[in-house]
Amino acid sequence: MSTTPSQRPESVNDLIKLFRVTDAPLPDGDTGAGLKFHTNRGEFSGIVHRAERADRAVIWVCGARGGFGGPGPGTYARLSEQLTGQGITSLRLDYRFPNDLLECVLDLLAGVQYLKESGHGPVVVVGHSFGGAVVIAAGATSDHIKG
């Protein structure tokens, strides 16, 4: 099935629509506040570490297996808590379809939209292993990603 130019999205950002974000339970032993992202492509989970009066934010994504931990057990949680103390909000995301680059990029872009709508300025994105490809691809498509 082919599409005509008028049917094609203008950018990858047009492929995902964030409908709402709701509270969700945290995984056992984790810190932060659990979130559920509801999009036109399905739901995925996140954990936010909110800093008071913060307009700066960072998003953390893992490798091809997904999850919240980072390159070592609890790495992203520890870093998120440290940054919260410095006035920087952190958002850790788990992919809907780990190891699917396009879908992971779309999940990250929905996270960027959430932070933007929450009043945060341009965000920094950090990815480990496969997550590095995710943040590079997302950074190439979003003006709200600055590093």
C-alpha atoms as a PDB file:
ATOM      1  CA  MET A   1       0.000   0.000   0.000  1.00  0.00           C
ATOM      2  CA  SER A   2       1.446   3.359  -0.976  1.00  0.00           C
ATOM      3  CA  THR A   3       0.507   6.793   0.196  1.00  0.00           C
ATOM      4  CA  THR A   4       0.214   9.991  -1.733  1.00  0.00           C
ATOM      5  CA  PRO A   5       2.203  13.008  -0.591  1.00  0.00           C
ATOM      6  CA  SER A   6      -0.924  14.514   0.983  1.00  0.00           C
ATOM      7  CA  GLN A   7      -1.339  11.385   3.146  1.00  0.00           C
ATOM      8  CA  ARG A   8       2.235  11.316   4.432  1.00  0.00           C
ATOM      9  CA  PRO A   9       3.013  12.915   7.774  1.00  0.00           C
ATOM     10  CA  GLU A  10       5.044  16.127   7.575  1.00  0.00           C
ATOM     11  CA  SER A  11       7.512  14.764  10.132  1.00  0.00           C
ATOM     12  CA  VAL A  12       8.053  11.871  12.494  1.00  0.00           C
ATOM     13  CA  ASN A  13       6.550  14.098  15.213  1.00  0.00           C
ATOM     14  CA  ASP A  14       3.193  13.803  13.410  1.00  0.00           C
ATOM     15  CA  LEU A  15       3.197  10.016  13.850  1.00  0.00           C
ATOM     16  CA  ILE A  16       2.487  10.075  17.586  1.00  0.00           C
ATOM     17  CA  LYS A  17      -0.180  11.995  19.462  1.00  0.00           C
ATOM     18  CA  LEU A  18      -0.097  12.221  23.241  1.00  0.00           C
ATOM     19  CA  PHE A  19      -3.675  12.061  24.507  1.00  0.00           C
ATOM     20  CA  ARG A  20      -3.030  12.199  28.241  1.00  0.00           C
ATOM     21  CA  VAL A  21      -0.673  11.172  31.031  1.00  0.00           C
ATOM     22  CA  THR A  22      -2.068   9.507  34.157  1.00  0.00           C
ATOM     23  CA  ASP A  23      -0.625   8.403  37.480  1.00  0.00           C
ATOM     24  CA  ALA A  24       0.559   4.790  37.597  1.00  0.00           C
ATOM     25  CA  PRO A  25       2.079   2.510  40.231  1.00  0.00           C
ATOM     26  CA  LEU A  26       5.845   2.489  40.617  1.00  0.00           C
ATOM     27  CA  PRO A  27       7.799  -0.732  40.183  1.00  0.00           C
ATOM     28  CA  ASP A  28       8.658  -2.234  43.581  1.00  0.00           C
ATOM     29  CA  GLY A  29      11.562  -0.486  45.274  1.00  0.00           C
ATOM     30  CA  ASP A  30      11.756   2.369  42.771  1.00  0.00           C
ATOM     31  CA  THR A  31      11.690   6.107  43.487  1.00  0.00           C
ATOM     32  CA  GLY A  32       9.868   8.968  41.775  1.00  0.00           C
ATOM     33  CA  ALA A  33       6.250   9.056  40.590  1.00  0.00           C
ATOM     34  CA  GLY A  34       4.859   6.490  38.159  1.00  0.00           C
ATOM     35  CA  LEU A  35       3.183   7.668  34.958  1.00  0.00           C
ATOM     36  CA  LYS A  36       1.223   6.056  32.124  1.00  0.00           C
ATOM     37  CA  PHE A  37       1.416   7.741  28.711  1.00  0.00           C
ATOM     38  CA  HIS A  38      -1.668   7.259  26.516  1.00  0.00           C
ATOM     39  CA  THR A  39      -0.990   7.809  22.801  1.00  0.00           C
ATOM     40  CA  ASN A  40      -2.560   7.031  19.447  1.00  0.00           C
ATOM     41  CA  ARG A  41      -0.003   4.200  19.148  1.00  0.00           C
ATOM     42  CA  GLY A  42      -0.592   2.608  22.550  1.00  0.00           C
ATOM     43  CA  GLU A  43       0.455   3.080  26.155  1.00  0.00           C
ATOM     44  CA  PHE A  44       3.856   3.112  27.793  1.00  0.00           C
ATOM     45  CA  SER A  45       5.202   3.783  31.262  1.00  0.00           C
ATOM     46  CA  GLY A  46       7.403   6.450  32.735  1.00  0.00           C
ATOM     47  CA  ILE A  47       8.770   7.592  36.058  1.00  0.00           C
ATOM     48  CA  VAL A  48       9.134  11.287  36.804  1.00  0.00           C
ATOM     49  CA  HIS A  49      11.371  12.840  39.441  1.00  0.00           C
ATOM     50  CA  ARG A  50       9.985  16.366  39.828  1.00  0.00           C
ATOM     51  CA  ALA A  51      12.175  19.215  40.976  1.00  0.00           C
ATOM     52  CA  GLU A  52      10.431  22.216  42.522  1.00  0.00           C
ATOM     53  CA  ARG A  53      10.084  25.223  40.211  1.00  0.00           C
ATOM     54  CA  ALA A  54      12.197  23.479  37.590  1.00  0.00           C
ATOM     55  CA  ASP A  55      12.129  24.512  33.965  1.00  0.00           C
ATOM     56  CA  ARG A  56      15.093  22.277  33.102  1.00  0.00           C
ATOM     57  CA  ALA A  57      14.598  18.585  32.408  1.00  0.00           C
ATOM     58  CA  VAL A  58      16.339  15.440  31.236  1.00  0.00           C
ATOM     59  CA  ILE A  59      14.853  12.264  29.744  1.00  0.00           C
ATOM     60  CA  TRP A  60      16.579   8.918  30.291  1.00  0.00           C
ATOM     61  CA  VAL A  61      16.088   5.879  28.019  1.00  0.00           C
ATOM     62  CA  CYS A  62      17.628   2.433  28.242  1.00  0.00           C
ATOM     63  CA  GLY A  63      18.968  -0.031  25.741  1.00  0.00           C
ATOM     64  CA  ALA A  64      17.215  -2.509  23.457  1.00  0.00           C
ATOM     65  CA  ARG A  65      15.592  -4.410  26.326  1.00  0.00           C
ATOM     66  CA  GLY A  66      13.842  -1.313  27.686  1.00  0.00           C
ATOM     67  CA  GLY A  67      13.173  -0.797  31.369  1.00  0.00           C
ATOM     68  CA  PHE A  68      13.974   2.060  33.710  1.00  0.00           C
ATOM     69  CA  GLY A  69      17.341   1.169  35.267  1.00  0.00           C
ATOM     70  CA  GLY A  70      20.013   2.367  32.868  1.00  0.00           C
ATOM     71  CA  PRO A  71      23.413   0.842  32.163  1.00  0.00           C
ATOM     72  CA  GLY A  72      23.624  -0.557  35.711  1.00  0.00           C
ATOM     73  CA  PRO A  73      20.990  -1.429  38.297  1.00  0.00           C
ATOM     74  CA  GLY A  74      19.409   1.786  39.537  1.00  0.00           C
ATOM     75  CA  THR A  75      21.805   4.113  37.699  1.00  0.00           C
ATOM     76  CA  TYR A  76      19.125   6.325  36.162  1.00  0.00           C
ATOM     77  CA  ALA A  77      17.140   6.439  39.428  1.00  0.00           C
ATOM     78  CA  ARG A  78      20.208   7.588  41.392  1.00  0.00           C
ATOM     79  CA  LEU A  79      21.113  10.215  38.810  1.00  0.00           C
ATOM     80  CA  SER A  80      17.498  11.402  38.664  1.00  0.00           C
ATOM     81  CA  GLU A  81      17.381  11.911  42.427  1.00  0.00           C
ATOM     82  CA  GLN A  82      20.694  13.794  42.360  1.00  0.00           C
ATOM     83  CA  LEU A  83      19.503  16.086  39.572  1.00  0.00           C
ATOM     84  CA  THR A  84      16.215  16.758  41.357  1.00  0.00           C
ATOM     85  CA  GLY A  85      18.286  18.171  44.207  1.00  0.00           C
ATOM     86  CA  GLN A  86      19.898  20.523  41.673  1.00  0.00           C
ATOM     87  CA  GLY A  87      16.560  21.776  40.314  1.00  0.00           C
ATOM     88  CA  ILE A  88      16.359  19.516  37.259  1.00  0.00           C
ATOM     89  CA  THR A  89      13.323  17.308  36.595  1.00  0.00           C
ATOM     90  CA  SER A  90      14.052  13.806  35.274  1.00  0.00           C
ATOM     91  CA  LEU A  91      11.790  11.538  33.247  1.00  0.00           C
ATOM     92  CA  ARG A  92      12.667   7.867  32.808  1.00  0.00           C
ATOM     93  CA  LEU A  93      10.809   6.104  29.987  1.00  0.00           C
ATOM     94  CA  ASP A  94      10.152   2.460  29.181  1.00  0.00           C
ATOM     95  CA  TYR A  95       9.477   1.664  25.521  1.00  0.00           C
ATOM     96  CA  ARG A  96       6.274   0.144  24.144  1.00  0.00           C
ATOM     97  CA  PHE A  97       8.306  -1.976  21.730  1.00  0.00           C
ATOM     98  CA  PRO A  98      11.929  -2.277  22.871  1.00  0.00           C
ATOM     99  CA  ASN A  99      14.423  -2.664  20.016  1.00  0.00           C
ATOM    100  CA  ASP A 100      12.083  -1.058  17.432  1.00  0.00           C
ATOM    101  CA  LEU A 101      13.892   2.189  16.660  1.00  0.00           C
ATOM    102  CA  LEU A 102      10.985   4.135  15.163  1.00  0.00           C
ATOM    103  CA  GLU A 103       8.543   3.189  17.929  1.00  0.00           C
ATOM    104  CA  CYS A 104      11.122   3.973  20.628  1.00  0.00           C
ATOM    105  CA  VAL A 105      11.807   7.375  19.052  1.00  0.00           C
ATOM    106  CA  LEU A 106       8.073   8.079  19.036  1.00  0.00           C
ATOM    107  CA  ASP A 107       7.815   7.176  22.731  1.00  0.00           C
ATOM    108  CA  LEU A 108      10.666   9.562  23.495  1.00  0.00           C
ATOM    109  CA  LEU A 109       8.996  12.334  21.483  1.00  0.00           C
ATOM    110  CA  ALA A 110       5.798  11.832  23.499  1.00  0.00           C
ATOM    111  CA  GLY A 111       7.888  12.248  26.652  1.00  0.00           C
ATOM    112  CA  VAL A 112       9.344  15.464  25.245  1.00  0.00           C
ATOM    113  CA  GLN A 113       5.822  16.717  24.520  1.00  0.00           C
ATOM    114  CA  TYR A 114       4.743  15.916  28.093  1.00  0.00           C
ATOM    115  CA  LEU A 115       7.629  17.900  29.570  1.00  0.00           C
ATOM    116  CA  LYS A 116       7.067  20.784  27.168  1.00  0.00           C
ATOM    117  CA  GLU A 117       3.371  20.927  28.095  1.00  0.00           C
ATOM    118  CA  SER A 118       4.384  20.772  31.778  1.00  0.00           C
ATOM    119  CA  GLY A 119       6.333  24.020  31.383  1.00  0.00           C
ATOM    120  CA  HIS A 120       9.848  22.701  30.933  1.00  0.00           C
ATOM    121  CA  GLY A 121      12.203  24.389  28.527  1.00  0.00           C
ATOM    122  CA  PRO A 122      14.274  22.451  26.023  1.00  0.00           C
ATOM    123  CA  VAL A 123      15.254  19.041  27.381  1.00  0.00           C
ATOM    124  CA  VAL A 124      18.430  17.006  27.394  1.00  0.00           C
ATOM    125  CA  VAL A 125      18.061  13.351  26.392  1.00  0.00           C
ATOM    126  CA  VAL A 126      20.337  10.538  27.550  1.00  0.00           C
ATOM    127  CA  GLY A 127      20.361   7.021  26.152  1.00  0.00           C
ATOM    128  CA  HIS A 128      22.422   3.953  26.922  1.00  0.00           C
ATOM    129  CA  SER A 129      23.476   1.550  24.136  1.00  0.00           C
ATOM    130  CA  PHE A 130      20.480   1.221  21.752  1.00  0.00           C
ATOM    131  CA  GLY A 131      19.016   4.192  23.639  1.00  0.00           C
ATOM    132  CA  GLY A 132      21.846   6.266  22.173  1.00  0.00           C
ATOM    133  CA  ALA A 133      20.422   5.688  18.698  1.00  0.00           C
ATOM    134  CA  VAL A 134      16.968   6.590  20.021  1.00  0.00           C
ATOM    135  CA  VAL A 135      18.097   9.948  21.443  1.00  0.00           C
ATOM    136  CA  ILE A 136      20.122  10.843  18.339  1.00  0.00           C
ATOM    137  CA  ALA A 137      17.189  10.101  16.034  1.00  0.00           C
ATOM    138  CA  ALA A 138      14.740  11.982  18.265  1.00  0.00           C
ATOM    139  CA  GLY A 139      17.114  14.923  18.593  1.00  0.00           C
ATOM    140  CA  ALA A 140      17.229  15.249  14.823  1.00  0.00           C
ATOM    141  CA  THR A 141      13.438  15.689  14.693  1.00  0.00           C
ATOM    142  CA  SER A 142      12.580  17.865  17.702  1.00  0.00           C
ATOM    143  CA  ASP A 143      13.416  21.511  18.300  1.00  0.00           C
ATOM    144  CA  HIS A 144      12.663  20.962  22.004  1.00  0.00           C
ATOM    145  CA  ILE A 145      15.658  18.611  22.436  1.00  0.00           C
ATOM    146  CA  LYS A 146      18.852  20.553  23.089  1.00  0.00           C
ATOM    147  CA  GLY A 147      21.389  17.958  24.027  1.00  0.00           C
END
